[in-house]
Every structure is written in structure tokens, then in C-alpha cells.
N, C-alpha and C. Protein backbone atom coordinates (compact mmCIF):
# COMPACT_ATOMS: atom_id res chain seq x y z
N MET A 1 -40.62 -10.04 8.20
CA MET A 1 -41.24 -11.15 6.58
C MET A 1 -39.78 -11.46 6.23
N GLN A 2 -40.29 -13.02 5.44
CA GLN A 2 -38.70 -13.90 4.82
C GLN A 2 -38.79 -14.06 3.83
N GLY A 3 -37.63 -14.17 3.50
CA GLY A 3 -37.31 -14.58 1.84
C GLY A 3 -35.86 -13.49 1.99
N THR A 4 -36.72 -13.98 0.43
CA THR A 4 -34.69 -12.56 -0.52
C THR A 4 -35.59 -11.73 -1.32
N SER A 5 -35.22 -9.73 -1.50
CA SER A 5 -36.01 -9.61 -2.16
C SER A 5 -34.97 -9.63 -3.90
N THR A 6 -35.88 -9.12 -4.75
CA THR A 6 -33.83 -9.04 -5.57
C THR A 6 -34.67 -7.88 -6.62
N GLY A 7 -33.69 -7.20 -7.32
CA GLY A 7 -33.66 -6.11 -7.44
C GLY A 7 -32.80 -6.18 -9.32
N ILE A 8 -33.31 -4.96 -9.59
CA ILE A 8 -32.51 -5.33 -11.14
C ILE A 8 -31.75 -3.73 -11.39
N GLY A 9 -30.28 -3.55 -11.14
CA GLY A 9 -29.52 -2.73 -11.41
C GLY A 9 -28.87 -2.07 -12.07
N TYR A 10 -28.59 -0.86 -12.49
CA TYR A 10 -28.05 -0.34 -14.06
C TYR A 10 -27.14 0.98 -13.71
N GLY A 11 -25.55 0.53 -14.15
CA GLY A 11 -24.84 1.40 -13.61
C GLY A 11 -24.63 2.14 -15.37
N LEU A 12 -23.93 3.60 -14.68
CA LEU A 12 -23.36 4.17 -15.87
C LEU A 12 -22.78 5.07 -14.89
N LYS A 13 -21.87 5.87 -15.69
CA LYS A 13 -20.06 6.59 -16.19
C LYS A 13 -20.53 7.35 -15.39
N TYR A 14 -21.12 8.09 -15.15
CA TYR A 14 -21.18 9.16 -14.50
C TYR A 14 -22.67 9.82 -14.10
N GLN A 15 -22.62 10.29 -13.00
CA GLN A 15 -23.68 10.34 -11.76
C GLN A 15 -25.16 11.04 -13.33
N ALA A 16 -26.87 10.75 -13.17
CA ALA A 16 -27.50 11.09 -13.61
C ALA A 16 -29.04 12.19 -12.38
N ARG A 17 -29.20 12.65 -13.33
CA ARG A 17 -30.05 14.23 -12.95
C ARG A 17 -31.68 13.39 -14.03
N CYS A 18 -31.10 12.40 -15.03
CA CYS A 18 -33.06 12.10 -15.87
C CYS A 18 -33.17 11.67 -16.48
N VAL A 19 -34.49 10.66 -15.70
CA VAL A 19 -34.34 9.45 -16.42
C VAL A 19 -35.39 9.06 -17.48
N ALA A 20 -36.13 8.89 -18.56
CA ALA A 20 -37.63 8.92 -19.10
C ALA A 20 -38.10 8.17 -19.57
N ASP A 21 -39.57 7.38 -19.96
CA ASP A 21 -40.12 6.20 -20.63
C ASP A 21 -39.77 6.40 -22.37
N VAL A 22 -39.66 4.97 -22.96
CA VAL A 22 -39.54 4.92 -23.87
C VAL A 22 -41.08 5.33 -24.24
N LYS A 23 -42.26 5.88 -24.77
CA LYS A 23 -43.49 5.78 -24.78
C LYS A 23 -43.98 4.96 -25.98
N ALA A 24 -43.48 5.63 -26.78
CA ALA A 24 -43.54 4.87 -28.27
C ALA A 24 -43.54 3.26 -28.39
N ASP A 25 -43.03 3.05 -27.58
CA ASP A 25 -41.96 1.34 -27.89
C ASP A 25 -43.67 0.19 -26.89
N THR A 26 -43.84 0.16 -27.45
CA THR A 26 -45.09 -0.34 -26.10
C THR A 26 -44.64 -2.68 -26.57
N ASP A 27 -43.35 -2.63 -27.80
CA ASP A 27 -43.29 -3.79 -26.87
C ASP A 27 -42.65 -4.63 -26.17
N HIS A 28 -41.57 -2.91 -25.11
CA HIS A 28 -40.70 -3.60 -24.43
C HIS A 28 -40.57 -2.59 -23.21
N SER A 29 -39.99 -2.66 -22.16
CA SER A 29 -39.82 -1.86 -21.55
C SER A 29 -38.95 -0.78 -21.23
N SER A 30 -38.89 0.07 -21.62
CA SER A 30 -37.51 0.83 -22.77
C SER A 30 -37.59 2.77 -21.47
N PHE A 31 -36.29 2.56 -21.53
CA PHE A 31 -36.24 4.18 -21.08
C PHE A 31 -35.00 4.04 -21.59
N ILE A 32 -34.91 6.41 -21.29
CA ILE A 32 -33.85 6.66 -21.95
C ILE A 32 -32.80 7.08 -20.59
N ALA A 33 -31.96 7.72 -20.37
CA ALA A 33 -30.76 7.79 -19.11
C ALA A 33 -30.34 9.04 -19.63
N GLY A 34 -30.04 10.16 -18.87
CA GLY A 34 -28.94 11.00 -19.23
C GLY A 34 -28.10 11.23 -18.70
N THR A 35 -26.75 11.56 -18.55
CA THR A 35 -25.71 11.21 -17.02
C THR A 35 -25.66 13.73 -17.83
N LEU A 36 -25.30 13.93 -15.79
CA LEU A 36 -24.27 15.09 -16.01
C LEU A 36 -23.36 15.15 -15.70
N SER A 37 -22.78 14.91 -16.48
CA SER A 37 -21.39 15.86 -16.14
C SER A 37 -20.86 17.53 -16.07
N LEU A 38 -19.44 17.83 -15.65
CA LEU A 38 -19.28 19.21 -15.87
C LEU A 38 -17.96 18.96 -16.23
N LYS A 39 -17.83 18.15 -16.44
CA LYS A 39 -16.00 18.27 -17.04
C LYS A 39 -15.68 17.11 -18.27
N GLU A 40 -16.72 16.33 -18.31
CA GLU A 40 -17.04 15.06 -19.23
C GLU A 40 -17.82 15.70 -20.22
N GLU A 41 -17.92 13.93 -21.22
CA GLU A 41 -18.86 14.27 -22.56
C GLU A 41 -20.44 13.96 -21.61
N ASN A 42 -21.37 13.56 -22.00
CA ASN A 42 -21.90 13.12 -21.17
C ASN A 42 -22.84 12.25 -22.69
N GLU A 43 -23.59 11.59 -21.91
CA GLU A 43 -23.84 10.46 -22.88
C GLU A 43 -26.06 10.34 -22.54
N VAL A 44 -26.63 9.60 -23.19
CA VAL A 44 -27.40 9.24 -23.66
C VAL A 44 -27.76 7.76 -23.13
N HIS A 45 -28.29 7.30 -22.13
CA HIS A 45 -28.43 6.01 -22.66
C HIS A 45 -30.26 5.44 -23.14
N LEU A 46 -29.76 4.10 -24.18
CA LEU A 46 -31.31 3.32 -24.43
C LEU A 46 -31.08 1.95 -23.84
N ILE A 47 -32.00 2.22 -22.17
CA ILE A 47 -32.29 1.05 -21.57
C ILE A 47 -33.30 -0.03 -21.51
N ARG A 48 -33.23 -1.52 -21.86
CA ARG A 48 -34.23 -1.78 -22.45
C ARG A 48 -34.03 -3.06 -20.95
N LEU A 49 -35.71 -3.27 -20.44
CA LEU A 49 -35.33 -4.25 -19.89
C LEU A 49 -35.92 -5.63 -20.58
N SER A 50 -34.56 -7.00 -20.31
CA SER A 50 -35.06 -8.01 -21.05
C SER A 50 -36.07 -9.16 -20.87
N SER A 51 -36.58 -8.84 -21.83
CA SER A 51 -37.47 -9.68 -22.15
C SER A 51 -37.97 -11.32 -20.56
N GLY A 52 -37.47 -11.34 -20.48
CA GLY A 52 -37.15 -12.51 -19.61
C GLY A 52 -37.71 -11.41 -17.44
N GLY A 53 -37.24 -10.22 -18.17
CA GLY A 53 -37.58 -9.14 -16.68
C GLY A 53 -36.39 -9.11 -15.50
N ILE A 54 -34.97 -10.25 -16.34
CA ILE A 54 -34.43 -10.24 -15.13
C ILE A 54 -33.31 -9.30 -14.84
N GLU A 55 -33.16 -9.03 -16.47
CA GLU A 55 -31.78 -8.06 -16.22
C GLU A 55 -31.77 -6.47 -17.11
N LEU A 56 -31.83 -5.61 -16.56
CA LEU A 56 -31.58 -3.83 -17.78
C LEU A 56 -30.40 -4.71 -18.94
N VAL A 57 -30.96 -4.05 -20.47
CA VAL A 57 -29.39 -4.23 -21.52
C VAL A 57 -29.00 -3.40 -21.96
N CYS A 58 -28.54 -2.43 -21.82
CA CYS A 58 -28.13 -1.47 -22.92
C CYS A 58 -28.79 -1.76 -24.71
N GLU A 59 -29.32 -0.77 -24.26
CA GLU A 59 -29.63 -1.21 -26.15
C GLU A 59 -28.99 0.21 -27.12
N GLY A 60 -28.50 1.21 -26.24
CA GLY A 60 -27.82 2.20 -27.24
C GLY A 60 -27.26 2.91 -26.55
N LEU A 61 -25.92 3.89 -26.72
CA LEU A 61 -25.79 5.31 -26.11
C LEU A 61 -25.26 5.72 -27.20
N PHE A 62 -25.34 7.12 -26.66
CA PHE A 62 -25.28 8.42 -27.66
C PHE A 62 -24.76 9.20 -26.70
N SER A 63 -23.19 9.67 -27.12
CA SER A 63 -22.85 11.07 -27.09
C SER A 63 -23.61 12.19 -27.14
N HIS A 64 -23.61 12.91 -25.33
CA HIS A 64 -23.95 14.66 -25.84
C HIS A 64 -23.60 14.78 -24.35
N PRO A 65 -22.97 16.64 -25.81
CA PRO A 65 -21.61 17.19 -24.87
C PRO A 65 -22.44 19.02 -24.02
N ASN A 66 -23.57 18.49 -23.78
CA ASN A 66 -23.09 19.46 -22.60
C ASN A 66 -24.69 18.06 -21.46
N GLU A 67 -23.75 18.71 -19.78
CA GLU A 67 -24.91 18.13 -19.39
C GLU A 67 -25.97 18.18 -18.93
N ILE A 68 -26.80 17.36 -19.22
CA ILE A 68 -28.02 16.44 -19.57
C ILE A 68 -29.27 16.96 -18.40
N TRP A 69 -30.06 17.73 -18.62
CA TRP A 69 -31.43 17.58 -16.60
C TRP A 69 -32.73 17.30 -17.49
N ASP A 70 -33.38 17.64 -18.51
CA ASP A 70 -33.76 16.51 -18.65
C ASP A 70 -34.06 15.98 -20.22
N LEU A 71 -35.26 15.05 -20.28
CA LEU A 71 -34.97 14.29 -20.99
C LEU A 71 -36.51 13.80 -21.88
N SER A 72 -37.26 13.53 -22.70
CA SER A 72 -38.26 13.31 -23.68
C SER A 72 -38.22 11.97 -24.12
N SER A 73 -38.72 11.51 -24.53
CA SER A 73 -39.56 10.44 -26.26
C SER A 73 -40.23 11.70 -26.66
N CYS A 74 -40.30 11.14 -27.73
CA CYS A 74 -40.76 10.87 -28.74
C CYS A 74 -42.07 9.84 -28.68
N PRO A 75 -44.27 10.82 -28.49
CA PRO A 75 -44.73 10.05 -28.17
C PRO A 75 -45.07 8.43 -29.32
N PHE A 76 -44.56 9.12 -30.15
CA PHE A 76 -44.57 8.52 -31.79
C PHE A 76 -44.03 7.90 -32.49
N ASP A 77 -42.70 7.79 -31.78
CA ASP A 77 -41.87 7.31 -33.07
C ASP A 77 -40.50 7.23 -31.25
N GLN A 78 -40.34 5.60 -32.04
CA GLN A 78 -39.39 5.27 -30.35
C GLN A 78 -38.09 5.54 -30.76
N ARG A 79 -37.40 6.00 -31.98
CA ARG A 79 -36.19 7.05 -32.24
C ARG A 79 -35.63 8.33 -32.66
N ILE A 80 -36.59 8.40 -31.15
CA ILE A 80 -36.87 10.50 -31.00
C ILE A 80 -36.55 10.60 -29.88
N MET A 81 -35.39 10.97 -29.74
CA MET A 81 -35.82 12.26 -28.36
C MET A 81 -35.24 13.44 -27.95
N PHE A 82 -35.63 14.16 -26.71
CA PHE A 82 -35.02 15.31 -26.71
C PHE A 82 -35.15 15.53 -25.62
N SER A 83 -33.43 16.40 -25.41
CA SER A 83 -33.13 16.77 -24.52
C SER A 83 -33.01 18.44 -25.11
N PRO A 84 -33.59 19.05 -23.69
CA PRO A 84 -33.36 21.06 -23.81
C PRO A 84 -32.39 21.26 -24.00
N PRO A 85 -31.47 22.26 -24.83
CA PRO A 85 -30.40 22.61 -24.88
C PRO A 85 -30.45 23.60 -23.13
N VAL A 86 -28.99 23.47 -22.34
CA VAL A 86 -28.85 24.34 -21.28
C VAL A 86 -28.43 25.93 -21.89
N ASN A 87 -29.18 26.43 -20.11
CA ASN A 87 -29.13 27.60 -21.01
C ASN A 87 -28.49 27.99 -19.20
N HIS A 88 -26.89 28.61 -19.25
CA HIS A 88 -25.94 28.98 -17.99
C HIS A 88 -25.36 30.34 -18.93
N MET A 89 -26.49 31.32 -17.53
CA MET A 89 -26.30 32.75 -17.53
C MET A 89 -24.98 32.89 -16.89
N GLU A 90 -24.30 33.64 -17.12
CA GLU A 90 -22.24 34.95 -17.18
C GLU A 90 -22.73 35.55 -16.01
């Protein structure tokens, strides 16, 4: 097969363990991604596919005090997301 393939990438500061779609955003292709750093402050990125579909744009960046193992978006309000607390057993 000849030709070129194109892809879209987005870089995070730290490794990510989870990504979820923003269900309530019916006008755009939007996602939230959460980082998993044991030593640094973690982040949740709100990422949206551009209207031309050629790039991913960070629409919001939120600090998170703990590792993020799971994320989910609210099905009826795109401004609400949930990250369950991490239970460290000692």
C-alpha cells in the first residue's frame, strides 16, 4: 500500500493511565486524560479535536493532587468530571 498516513498526537507532561470521552459535549470530539506521577502533582487535560480535525487542542488543564487511575465525565454536563480517590493500603 502506497501513500502517506497521517496521525494526530498530543503530549502530556507525565505518563497517563486513563483517557475518557466527554459524553455531554455533543458538538465536539472531546476527551479528558489524567496523568499518573507518584512524585509530582498530576494533571487532568481537557483535549478537543479541532474543527478541521487536524490537531488536538488543550482546552483546559487542571491540577490533581494524587495519581489518576480512572476518569469519567458527567453524561449531562460537560463541565463535570470524576476521579475516584486512590486507596493506598499500608
